[in-house]
Amino acid sequence: MVPYKRHCAKTIEMIVTSGTDSGIIKDASVPCENRTIHRILLWWNVVLPYFMNIIKSLSERLNILYNPTPSLREIVRAIVNSNSWIFANSICTRSVAMSA
């Protein structure tokens, strides 16, 4: 589960790990339209630096070791449990994604 997202973590992780710059995924196992895939990739590219800074901060403050490239599920769990999750619409709204 990913807060404020309509798709499950597994679907979002498939999109993020196999996504391209064009936002089009050739894999038929992703149950989304290309526009939705593009919006998810846009959201991920915007929030990833914030998430990685939170992970780094938690790692230093609590002396926790994370994988060098943590999975989406690890990132989401750490961010939510530390009360650092920000409302997605304050970062990237549908109107912003559609105008890109």
PDB file of N, CA and C in Angstrom:
ATOM      1  N   MET A   1       0.840  -1.178   0.000  1.00  0.00           N
ATOM      2  CA  MET A   1       0.000   0.000   0.000  1.00  0.00           C
ATOM      3  C   MET A   1       0.890   1.249   0.000  1.00  0.00           C
ATOM      4  N   VAL A   2       0.541   2.176  -0.859  1.00  0.00           N
ATOM      5  CA  VAL A   2       1.256   3.442  -0.929  1.00  0.00           C
ATOM      6  C   VAL A   2       0.238   4.547  -0.638  1.00  0.00           C
ATOM      7  N   PRO A   3       0.492   5.386   0.368  1.00  0.00           N
ATOM      8  CA  PRO A   3      -0.472   6.428   0.715  1.00  0.00           C
ATOM      9  C   PRO A   3      -0.807   7.342  -0.464  1.00  0.00           C
ATOM     10  N   TYR A   4      -2.083   7.650  -0.596  1.00  0.00           N
ATOM     11  CA  TYR A   4      -2.614   8.573  -1.598  1.00  0.00           C
ATOM     12  C   TYR A   4      -2.441   8.079  -3.033  1.00  0.00           C
ATOM     13  N   LYS A   5      -2.227   6.804  -3.225  1.00  0.00           N
ATOM     14  CA  LYS A   5      -2.122   6.246  -4.570  1.00  0.00           C
ATOM     15  C   LYS A   5      -3.228   5.228  -4.778  1.00  0.00           C
ATOM     16  N   ARG A   6      -3.747   5.151  -5.988  1.00  0.00           N
ATOM     17  CA  ARG A   6      -4.833   4.225  -6.304  1.00  0.00           C
ATOM     18  C   ARG A   6      -4.339   2.828  -6.640  1.00  0.00           C
ATOM     19  N   HIS A   7      -3.089   2.720  -7.003  1.00  0.00           N
ATOM     20  CA  HIS A   7      -2.544   1.422  -7.383  1.00  0.00           C
ATOM     21  C   HIS A   7      -1.727   0.845  -6.238  1.00  0.00           C
ATOM     22  N   CYS A   8      -1.652  -0.472  -6.200  1.00  0.00           N
ATOM     23  CA  CYS A   8      -0.920  -1.137  -5.117  1.00  0.00           C
ATOM     24  C   CYS A   8       0.584  -0.932  -5.280  1.00  0.00           C
ATOM     25  N   ALA A   9       1.303  -1.214  -4.217  1.00  0.00           N
ATOM     26  CA  ALA A   9       2.755  -1.035  -4.226  1.00  0.00           C
ATOM     27  C   ALA A   9       3.421  -1.906  -5.288  1.00  0.00           C
ATOM     28  N   LYS A  10       2.879  -3.102  -5.508  1.00  0.00           N
ATOM     29  CA  LYS A  10       3.467  -3.997  -6.506  1.00  0.00           C
ATOM     30  C   LYS A  10       3.387  -3.390  -7.901  1.00  0.00           C
ATOM     31  N   THR A  11       2.238  -2.805  -8.250  1.00  0.00           N
ATOM     32  CA  THR A  11       2.072  -2.175  -9.562  1.00  0.00           C
ATOM     33  C   THR A  11       2.979  -0.970  -9.701  1.00  0.00           C
ATOM     34  N   ILE A  12       3.026  -0.132  -8.683  1.00  0.00           N
ATOM     35  CA  ILE A  12       3.878   1.060  -8.728  1.00  0.00           C
ATOM     36  C   ILE A  12       5.340   0.656  -8.824  1.00  0.00           C
ATOM     37  N   GLU A  13       5.725  -0.378  -8.090  1.00  0.00           N
ATOM     38  CA  GLU A  13       7.112  -0.839  -8.146  1.00  0.00           C
ATOM     39  C   GLU A  13       7.459  -1.378  -9.535  1.00  0.00           C
ATOM     40  N   MET A  14       6.536  -2.091 -10.171  1.00  0.00           N
ATOM     41  CA  MET A  14       6.778  -2.580 -11.534  1.00  0.00           C
ATOM     42  C   MET A  14       6.966  -1.419 -12.495  1.00  0.00           C
ATOM     43  N   ILE A  15       6.166  -0.375 -12.331  1.00  0.00           N
ATOM     44  CA  ILE A  15       6.269   0.794 -13.200  1.00  0.00           C
ATOM     45  C   ILE A  15       7.595   1.516 -12.972  1.00  0.00           C
ATOM     46  N   VAL A  16       7.936   1.718 -11.719  1.00  0.00           N
ATOM     47  CA  VAL A  16       9.146   2.471 -11.382  1.00  0.00           C
ATOM     48  C   VAL A  16      10.406   1.717 -11.805  1.00  0.00           C
ATOM     49  N   THR A  17      10.440   0.409 -11.604  1.00  0.00           N
ATOM     50  CA  THR A  17      11.641  -0.354 -11.931  1.00  0.00           C
ATOM     51  C   THR A  17      11.795  -0.617 -13.423  1.00  0.00           C
ATOM     52  N   SER A  18      10.692  -0.676 -14.156  1.00  0.00           N
ATOM     53  CA  SER A  18      10.805  -0.953 -15.589  1.00  0.00           C
ATOM     54  C   SER A  18      10.402   0.241 -16.441  1.00  0.00           C
ATOM     55  N   GLY A  19      10.177   1.385 -15.812  1.00  0.00           N
ATOM     56  CA  GLY A  19       9.755   2.569 -16.551  1.00  0.00           C
ATOM     57  C   GLY A  19      10.862   3.156 -17.390  1.00  0.00           C
ATOM     58  N   THR A  20      10.451   3.937 -18.368  1.00  0.00           N
ATOM     59  CA  THR A  20      11.403   4.616 -19.236  1.00  0.00           C
ATOM     60  C   THR A  20      11.148   6.110 -19.164  1.00  0.00           C
ATOM     61  N   ASP A  21      12.018   6.884 -19.765  1.00  0.00           N
ATOM     62  CA  ASP A  21      11.833   8.334 -19.780  1.00  0.00           C
ATOM     63  C   ASP A  21      10.576   8.733 -20.531  1.00  0.00           C
ATOM     64  N   SER A  22      10.202   7.949 -21.526  1.00  0.00           N
ATOM     65  CA  SER A  22       9.009   8.283 -22.303  1.00  0.00           C
ATOM     66  C   SER A  22       7.736   7.926 -21.546  1.00  0.00           C
ATOM     67  N   GLY A  23       7.864   7.108 -20.487  1.00  0.00           N
ATOM     68  CA  GLY A  23       6.702   6.748 -19.689  1.00  0.00           C
ATOM     69  C   GLY A  23       5.921   5.592 -20.261  1.00  0.00           C
ATOM     70  N   ILE A  24       6.409   4.965 -21.308  1.00  0.00           N
ATOM     71  CA  ILE A  24       5.701   3.861 -21.924  1.00  0.00           C
ATOM     72  C   ILE A  24       6.408   2.566 -21.560  1.00  0.00           C
ATOM     73  N   ILE A  25       5.644   1.659 -21.005  1.00  0.00           N
ATOM     74  CA  ILE A  25       6.179   0.369 -20.609  1.00  0.00           C
ATOM     75  C   ILE A  25       5.616  -0.680 -21.553  1.00  0.00           C
ATOM     76  N   LYS A  26       6.474  -1.488 -22.076  1.00  0.00           N
ATOM     77  CA  LYS A  26       6.049  -2.506 -23.029  1.00  0.00           C
ATOM     78  C   LYS A  26       5.465  -3.734 -22.335  1.00  0.00           C
ATOM     79  N   ASP A  27       5.670  -3.847 -21.033  1.00  0.00           N
ATOM     80  CA  ASP A  27       5.217  -5.013 -20.280  1.00  0.00           C
ATOM     81  C   ASP A  27       3.696  -4.997 -20.158  1.00  0.00           C
ATOM     82  N   ALA A  28       3.041  -6.049 -20.601  1.00  0.00           N
ATOM     83  CA  ALA A  28       1.581  -6.114 -20.566  1.00  0.00           C
ATOM     84  C   ALA A  28       1.050  -6.453 -19.178  1.00  0.00           C
ATOM     85  N   SER A  29       1.922  -6.799 -18.245  1.00  0.00           N
ATOM     86  CA  SER A  29       1.461  -7.166 -16.905  1.00  0.00           C
ATOM     87  C   SER A  29       1.125  -5.952 -16.037  1.00  0.00           C
ATOM     88  N   VAL A  30       1.466  -4.758 -16.492  1.00  0.00           N
ATOM     89  CA  VAL A  30       1.133  -3.541 -15.742  1.00  0.00           C
ATOM     90  C   VAL A  30      -0.288  -3.124 -16.115  1.00  0.00           C
ATOM     91  N   PRO A  31      -1.208  -3.128 -15.145  1.00  0.00           N
ATOM     92  CA  PRO A  31      -2.619  -2.865 -15.454  1.00  0.00           C
ATOM     93  C   PRO A  31      -2.964  -1.376 -15.469  1.00  0.00           C
ATOM     94  N   CYS A  32      -2.232  -0.592 -16.238  1.00  0.00           N
ATOM     95  CA  CYS A  32      -2.453   0.855 -16.278  1.00  0.00           C
ATOM     96  C   CYS A  32      -2.389   1.357 -17.710  1.00  0.00           C
ATOM     97  N   GLU A  33      -3.040   2.480 -17.927  1.00  0.00           N
ATOM     98  CA  GLU A  33      -2.906   3.163 -19.204  1.00  0.00           C
ATOM     99  C   GLU A  33      -1.557   3.885 -19.233  1.00  0.00           C
ATOM    100  N   ASN A  34      -1.117   4.251 -20.419  1.00  0.00           N
ATOM    101  CA  ASN A  34       0.165   4.943 -20.555  1.00  0.00           C
ATOM    102  C   ASN A  34       0.176   6.280 -19.833  1.00  0.00           C
ATOM    103  N   ARG A  35      -0.969   6.986 -19.811  1.00  0.00           N
ATOM    104  CA  ARG A  35      -1.014   8.275 -19.097  1.00  0.00           C
ATOM    105  C   ARG A  35      -0.810   8.078 -17.601  1.00  0.00           C
ATOM    106  N   THR A  36      -1.408   7.027 -17.057  1.00  0.00           N
ATOM    107  CA  THR A  36      -1.242   6.734 -15.633  1.00  0.00           C
ATOM    108  C   THR A  36       0.202   6.365 -15.333  1.00  0.00           C
ATOM    109  N   ILE A  37       0.790   5.570 -16.199  1.00  0.00           N
ATOM    110  CA  ILE A  37       2.193   5.193 -16.033  1.00  0.00           C
ATOM    111  C   ILE A  37       3.072   6.439 -16.059  1.00  0.00           C
ATOM    112  N   HIS A  38       2.787   7.339 -16.985  1.00  0.00           N
ATOM    113  CA  HIS A  38       3.556   8.583 -17.084  1.00  0.00           C
ATOM    114  C   HIS A  38       3.423   9.415 -15.811  1.00  0.00           C
ATOM    115  N   ARG A  39       2.209   9.515 -15.263  1.00  0.00           N
ATOM    116  CA  ARG A  39       2.000  10.282 -14.028  1.00  0.00           C
ATOM    117  C   ARG A  39       2.735   9.652 -12.843  1.00  0.00           C
ATOM    118  N   ILE A  40       2.715   8.327 -12.763  1.00  0.00           N
ATOM    119  CA  ILE A  40       3.408   7.653 -11.668  1.00  0.00           C
ATOM    120  C   ILE A  40       4.915   7.873 -11.788  1.00  0.00           C
ATOM    121  N   LEU A  41       5.450   7.774 -12.993  1.00  0.00           N
ATOM    122  CA  LEU A  41       6.880   8.025 -13.193  1.00  0.00           C
ATOM    123  C   LEU A  41       7.244   9.473 -12.883  1.00  0.00           C
ATOM    124  N   LEU A  42       6.391  10.403 -13.273  1.00  0.00           N
ATOM    125  CA  LEU A  42       6.625  11.811 -12.966  1.00  0.00           C
ATOM    126  C   LEU A  42       6.635  12.029 -11.457  1.00  0.00           C
ATOM    127  N   TRP A  43       5.648  11.460 -10.756  1.00  0.00           N
ATOM    128  CA  TRP A  43       5.582  11.564  -9.302  1.00  0.00           C
ATOM    129  C   TRP A  43       6.848  10.974  -8.674  1.00  0.00           C
ATOM    130  N   TRP A  44       7.257   9.798  -9.137  1.00  0.00           N
ATOM    131  CA  TRP A  44       8.426   9.125  -8.570  1.00  0.00           C
ATOM    132  C   TRP A  44       9.690   9.955  -8.760  1.00  0.00           C
ATOM    133  N   ASN A  45       9.876  10.520  -9.931  1.00  0.00           N
ATOM    134  CA  ASN A  45      11.070  11.327 -10.197  1.00  0.00           C
ATOM    135  C   ASN A  45      11.111  12.585  -9.340  1.00  0.00           C
ATOM    136  N   VAL A  46       9.954  13.102  -8.974  1.00  0.00           N
ATOM    137  CA  VAL A  46       9.901  14.300  -8.138  1.00  0.00           C
ATOM    138  C   VAL A  46      10.142  13.960  -6.671  1.00  0.00           C
ATOM    139  N   VAL A  47       9.554  12.868  -6.168  1.00  0.00           N
ATOM    140  CA  VAL A  47       9.649  12.562  -4.737  1.00  0.00           C
ATOM    141  C   VAL A  47      10.870  11.737  -4.356  1.00  0.00           C
ATOM    142  N   LEU A  48      11.516  11.098  -5.315  1.00  0.00           N
ATOM    143  CA  LEU A  48      12.654  10.234  -4.984  1.00  0.00           C
ATOM    144  C   LEU A  48      13.779  10.965  -4.249  1.00  0.00           C
ATOM    145  N   PRO A  49      14.204  12.157  -4.673  1.00  0.00           N
ATOM    146  CA  PRO A  49      15.253  12.846  -3.891  1.00  0.00           C
ATOM    147  C   PRO A  49      14.835  13.124  -2.439  1.00  0.00           C
ATOM    148  N   TYR A  50      13.584  13.516  -2.240  1.00  0.00           N
ATOM    149  CA  TYR A  50      13.079  13.751  -0.886  1.00  0.00           C
ATOM    150  C   TYR A  50      13.119  12.457  -0.073  1.00  0.00           C
ATOM    151  N   PHE A  51      12.627  11.368  -0.682  1.00  0.00           N
ATOM    152  CA  PHE A  51      12.623  10.085   0.011  1.00  0.00           C
ATOM    153  C   PHE A  51      14.027   9.634   0.373  1.00  0.00           C
ATOM    154  N   MET A  52      14.963   9.782  -0.538  1.00  0.00           N
ATOM    155  CA  MET A  52      16.333   9.331  -0.273  1.00  0.00           C
ATOM    156  C   MET A  52      16.993  10.179   0.816  1.00  0.00           C
ATOM    157  N   ASN A  53      16.664  11.466   0.880  1.00  0.00           N
ATOM    158  CA  ASN A  53      17.182  12.303   1.964  1.00  0.00           C
ATOM    159  C   ASN A  53      16.613  11.874   3.313  1.00  0.00           C
ATOM    160  N   ILE A  54      15.338  11.500   3.348  1.00  0.00           N
ATOM    161  CA  ILE A  54      14.730  11.012   4.590  1.00  0.00           C
ATOM    162  C   ILE A  54      15.387   9.696   5.000  1.00  0.00           C
ATOM    163  N   ILE A  55      15.595   8.799   4.041  1.00  0.00           N
ATOM    164  CA  ILE A  55      16.254   7.521   4.330  1.00  0.00           C
ATOM    165  C   ILE A  55      17.662   7.760   4.884  1.00  0.00           C
ATOM    166  N   LYS A  56      18.385   8.674   4.268  1.00  0.00           N
ATOM    167  CA  LYS A  56      19.741   8.990   4.734  1.00  0.00           C
ATOM    168  C   LYS A  56      19.699   9.562   6.154  1.00  0.00           C
ATOM    169  N   SER A  57      18.754  10.456   6.403  1.00  0.00           N
ATOM    170  CA  SER A  57      18.617  11.051   7.731  1.00  0.00           C
ATOM    171  C   SER A  57      18.272   9.995   8.785  1.00  0.00           C
ATOM    172  N   LEU A  58      17.334   9.107   8.459  1.00  0.00           N
ATOM    173  CA  LEU A  58      16.970   8.042   9.396  1.00  0.00           C
ATOM    174  C   LEU A  58      18.150   7.117   9.650  1.00  0.00           C
ATOM    175  N   SER A  59      18.881   6.830   8.605  1.00  0.00           N
ATOM    176  CA  SER A  59      20.037   5.948   8.732  1.00  0.00           C
ATOM    177  C   SER A  59      21.080   6.540   9.677  1.00  0.00           C
ATOM    178  N   GLU A  60      21.346   7.829   9.531  1.00  0.00           N
ATOM    179  CA  GLU A  60      22.328   8.489  10.389  1.00  0.00           C
ATOM    180  C   GLU A  60      21.822   8.663  11.813  1.00  0.00           C
ATOM    181  N   ARG A  61      20.570   9.057  11.956  1.00  0.00           N
ATOM    182  CA  ARG A  61      20.023   9.349  13.278  1.00  0.00           C
ATOM    183  C   ARG A  61      19.787   8.088  14.100  1.00  0.00           C
ATOM    184  N   LEU A  62      19.254   7.041  13.455  1.00  0.00           N
ATOM    185  CA  LEU A  62      18.900   5.830  14.192  1.00  0.00           C
ATOM    186  C   LEU A  62      19.908   4.704  14.020  1.00  0.00           C
ATOM    187  N   ASN A  63      20.946   4.970  13.257  1.00  0.00           N
ATOM    188  CA  ASN A  63      21.996   3.973  13.019  1.00  0.00           C
ATOM    189  C   ASN A  63      21.430   2.699  12.391  1.00  0.00           C
ATOM    190  N   ILE A  64      20.591   2.885  11.363  1.00  0.00           N
ATOM    191  CA  ILE A  64      19.972   1.780  10.634  1.00  0.00           C
ATOM    192  C   ILE A  64      20.635   1.686   9.268  1.00  0.00           C
ATOM    193  N   LEU A  65      20.928   0.479   8.853  1.00  0.00           N
ATOM    194  CA  LEU A  65      21.501   0.280   7.532  1.00  0.00           C
ATOM    195  C   LEU A  65      20.402  -0.121   6.543  1.00  0.00           C
ATOM    196  N   TYR A  66      20.336   0.581   5.443  1.00  0.00           N
ATOM    197  CA  TYR A  66      19.398   0.257   4.363  1.00  0.00           C
ATOM    198  C   TYR A  66      20.197  -0.271   3.190  1.00  0.00           C
ATOM    199  N   ASN A  67      19.532  -0.982   2.319  1.00  0.00           N
ATOM    200  CA  ASN A  67      20.178  -1.442   1.085  1.00  0.00           C
ATOM    201  C   ASN A  67      20.680  -0.227   0.311  1.00  0.00           C
ATOM    202  N   PRO A  68      21.758  -0.377  -0.444  1.00  0.00           N
ATOM    203  CA  PRO A  68      22.243   0.758  -1.255  1.00  0.00           C
ATOM    204  C   PRO A  68      21.166   1.282  -2.212  1.00  0.00           C
ATOM    205  N   THR A  69      20.369   0.371  -2.743  1.00  0.00           N
ATOM    206  CA  THR A  69      19.227   0.773  -3.571  1.00  0.00           C
ATOM    207  C   THR A  69      17.975   0.139  -2.961  1.00  0.00           C
ATOM    208  N   PRO A  70      17.365   0.814  -1.997  1.00  0.00           N
ATOM    209  CA  PRO A  70      16.197   0.230  -1.335  1.00  0.00           C
ATOM    210  C   PRO A  70      15.019   0.100  -2.295  1.00  0.00           C
ATOM    211  N   SER A  71      14.198  -0.905  -2.067  1.00  0.00           N
ATOM    212  CA  SER A  71      13.012  -1.106  -2.897  1.00  0.00           C
ATOM    213  C   SER A  71      11.951  -0.075  -2.530  1.00  0.00           C
ATOM    214  N   LEU A  72      10.968   0.043  -3.388  1.00  0.00           N
ATOM    215  CA  LEU A  72       9.863   0.972  -3.135  1.00  0.00           C
ATOM    216  C   LEU A  72       9.192   0.654  -1.803  1.00  0.00           C
ATOM    217  N   ARG A  73       8.994  -0.613  -1.522  1.00  0.00           N
ATOM    218  CA  ARG A  73       8.327  -0.999  -0.270  1.00  0.00           C
ATOM    219  C   ARG A  73       9.143  -0.588   0.952  1.00  0.00           C
ATOM    220  N   GLU A  74      10.462  -0.749   0.894  1.00  0.00           N
ATOM    221  CA  GLU A  74      11.314  -0.331   2.010  1.00  0.00           C
ATOM    222  C   GLU A  74      11.259   1.182   2.192  1.00  0.00           C
ATOM    223  N   ILE A  75      11.293   1.895   1.100  1.00  0.00           N
ATOM    224  CA  ILE A  75      11.242   3.359   1.157  1.00  0.00           C
ATOM    225  C   ILE A  75       9.924   3.822   1.751  1.00  0.00           C
ATOM    226  N   VAL A  76       8.815   3.290   1.239  1.00  0.00           N
ATOM    227  CA  VAL A  76       7.494   3.707   1.713  1.00  0.00           C
ATOM    228  C   VAL A  76       7.329   3.390   3.191  1.00  0.00           C
ATOM    229  N   ARG A  77       7.723   2.200   3.601  1.00  0.00           N
ATOM    230  CA  ARG A  77       7.588   1.820   5.013  1.00  0.00           C
ATOM    231  C   ARG A  77       8.377   2.758   5.918  1.00  0.00           C
ATOM    232  N   ALA A  78       9.609   3.066   5.548  1.00  0.00           N
ATOM    233  CA  ALA A  78      10.442   3.939   6.378  1.00  0.00           C
ATOM    234  C   ALA A  78       9.883   5.357   6.441  1.00  0.00           C
ATOM    235  N   ILE A  79       9.445   5.880   5.300  1.00  0.00           N
ATOM    236  CA  ILE A  79       8.937   7.254   5.256  1.00  0.00           C
ATOM    237  C   ILE A  79       7.642   7.374   6.047  1.00  0.00           C
ATOM    238  N   VAL A  80       6.729   6.426   5.864  1.00  0.00           N
ATOM    239  CA  VAL A  80       5.448   6.482   6.570  1.00  0.00           C
ATOM    240  C   VAL A  80       5.650   6.289   8.068  1.00  0.00           C
ATOM    241  N   ASN A  81       6.457   5.328   8.457  1.00  0.00           N
ATOM    242  CA  ASN A  81       6.668   5.064   9.886  1.00  0.00           C
ATOM    243  C   ASN A  81       7.394   6.195  10.603  1.00  0.00           C
ATOM    244  N   SER A  82       8.124   7.011   9.865  1.00  0.00           N
ATOM    245  CA  SER A  82       8.801   8.152  10.494  1.00  0.00           C
ATOM    246  C   SER A  82       7.948   9.420  10.450  1.00  0.00           C
ATOM    247  N   ASN A  83       6.711   9.300   9.985  1.00  0.00           N
ATOM    248  CA  ASN A  83       5.777  10.439   9.841  1.00  0.00           C
ATOM    249  C   ASN A  83       6.338  11.526   8.924  1.00  0.00           C
ATOM    250  N   SER A  84       7.060  11.114   7.909  1.00  0.00           N
ATOM    251  CA  SER A  84       7.652  12.069   6.979  1.00  0.00           C
ATOM    252  C   SER A  84       6.954  12.080   5.620  1.00  0.00           C
ATOM    253  N   TRP A  85       5.880  11.309   5.487  1.00  0.00           N
ATOM    254  CA  TRP A  85       5.179  11.249   4.208  1.00  0.00           C
ATOM    255  C   TRP A  85       4.463  12.572   3.973  1.00  0.00           C
ATOM    256  N   ILE A  86       4.683  13.163   2.816  1.00  0.00           N
ATOM    257  CA  ILE A  86       4.017  14.409   2.488  1.00  0.00           C
ATOM    258  C   ILE A  86       2.876  14.118   1.523  1.00  0.00           C
ATOM    259  N   PHE A  87       1.876  14.952   1.578  1.00  0.00           N
ATOM    260  CA  PHE A  87       0.707  14.761   0.723  1.00  0.00           C
ATOM    261  C   PHE A  87       1.126  14.917  -0.724  1.00  0.00           C
ATOM    262  N   ALA A  88       0.813  13.932  -1.534  1.00  0.00           N
ATOM    263  CA  ALA A  88       1.285  13.871  -2.921  1.00  0.00           C
ATOM    264  C   ALA A  88       0.823  15.052  -3.764  1.00  0.00           C
ATOM    265  N   ASN A  89      -0.375  15.577  -3.517  1.00  0.00           N
ATOM    266  CA  ASN A  89      -0.870  16.673  -4.347  1.00  0.00           C
ATOM    267  C   ASN A  89      -0.090  17.961  -4.129  1.00  0.00           C
ATOM    268  N   SER A  90       0.614  18.066  -3.017  1.00  0.00           N
ATOM    269  CA  SER A  90       1.422  19.264  -2.818  1.00  0.00           C
ATOM    270  C   SER A  90       2.693  19.217  -3.660  1.00  0.00           C
ATOM    271  N   ILE A  91       3.018  18.053  -4.186  1.00  0.00           N
ATOM    272  CA  ILE A  91       4.200  17.907  -5.021  1.00  0.00           C
ATOM    273  C   ILE A  91       3.834  17.907  -6.496  1.00  0.00           C
ATOM    274  N   CYS A  92       2.939  17.024  -6.857  1.00  0.00           N
ATOM    275  CA  CYS A  92       2.644  16.827  -8.273  1.00  0.00           C
ATOM    276  C   CYS A  92       1.158  16.503  -8.416  1.00  0.00           C
ATOM    277  N   THR A  93       0.424  17.404  -8.981  1.00  0.00           N
ATOM    278  CA  THR A  93      -0.997  17.175  -9.164  1.00  0.00           C
ATOM    279  C   THR A  93      -1.260  16.667 -10.573  1.00  0.00           C
ATOM    280  N   ARG A  94      -2.451  16.157 -10.762  1.00  0.00           N
ATOM    281  CA  ARG A  94      -2.821  15.622 -12.073  1.00  0.00           C
ATOM    282  C   ARG A  94      -2.725  16.704 -13.142  1.00  0.00           C
ATOM    283  N   SER A  95      -3.133  17.934 -12.829  1.00  0.00           N
ATOM    284  CA  SER A  95      -3.073  19.004 -13.820  1.00  0.00           C
ATOM    285  C   SER A  95      -1.643  19.317 -14.216  1.00  0.00           C
ATOM    286  N   VAL A  96      -0.712  19.222 -13.260  1.00  0.00           N
ATOM    287  CA  VAL A  96       0.698  19.440 -13.573  1.00  0.00           C
ATOM    288  C   VAL A  96       1.210  18.324 -14.472  1.00  0.00           C
ATOM    289  N   ALA A  97       0.831  17.095 -14.150  1.00  0.00           N
ATOM    290  CA  ALA A  97       1.284  15.951 -14.934  1.00  0.00           C
ATOM    291  C   ALA A  97       0.698  15.989 -16.339  1.00  0.00           C
ATOM    292  N   MET A  98      -0.538  16.431 -16.486  1.00  0.00           N
ATOM    293  CA  MET A  98      -1.177  16.459 -17.796  1.00  0.00           C
ATOM    294  C   MET A  98      -0.583  17.576 -18.669  1.00  0.00           C
ATOM    295  N   SER A  99      -0.085  18.642 -18.061  1.00  0.00           N
ATOM    296  CA  SER A  99       0.459  19.741 -18.851  1.00  0.00           C
ATOM    297  C   SER A  99       1.889  19.467 -19.285  1.00  0.00           C
ATOM    298  N   ALA A 100       2.524  18.461 -18.686  1.00  0.00           N
ATOM    299  CA  ALA A 100       3.932  18.137 -19.020  1.00  0.00           C
ATOM    300  C   ALA A 100       4.043  17.405 -20.326  1.00  0.00           C
TER     301      ALA A 100
END
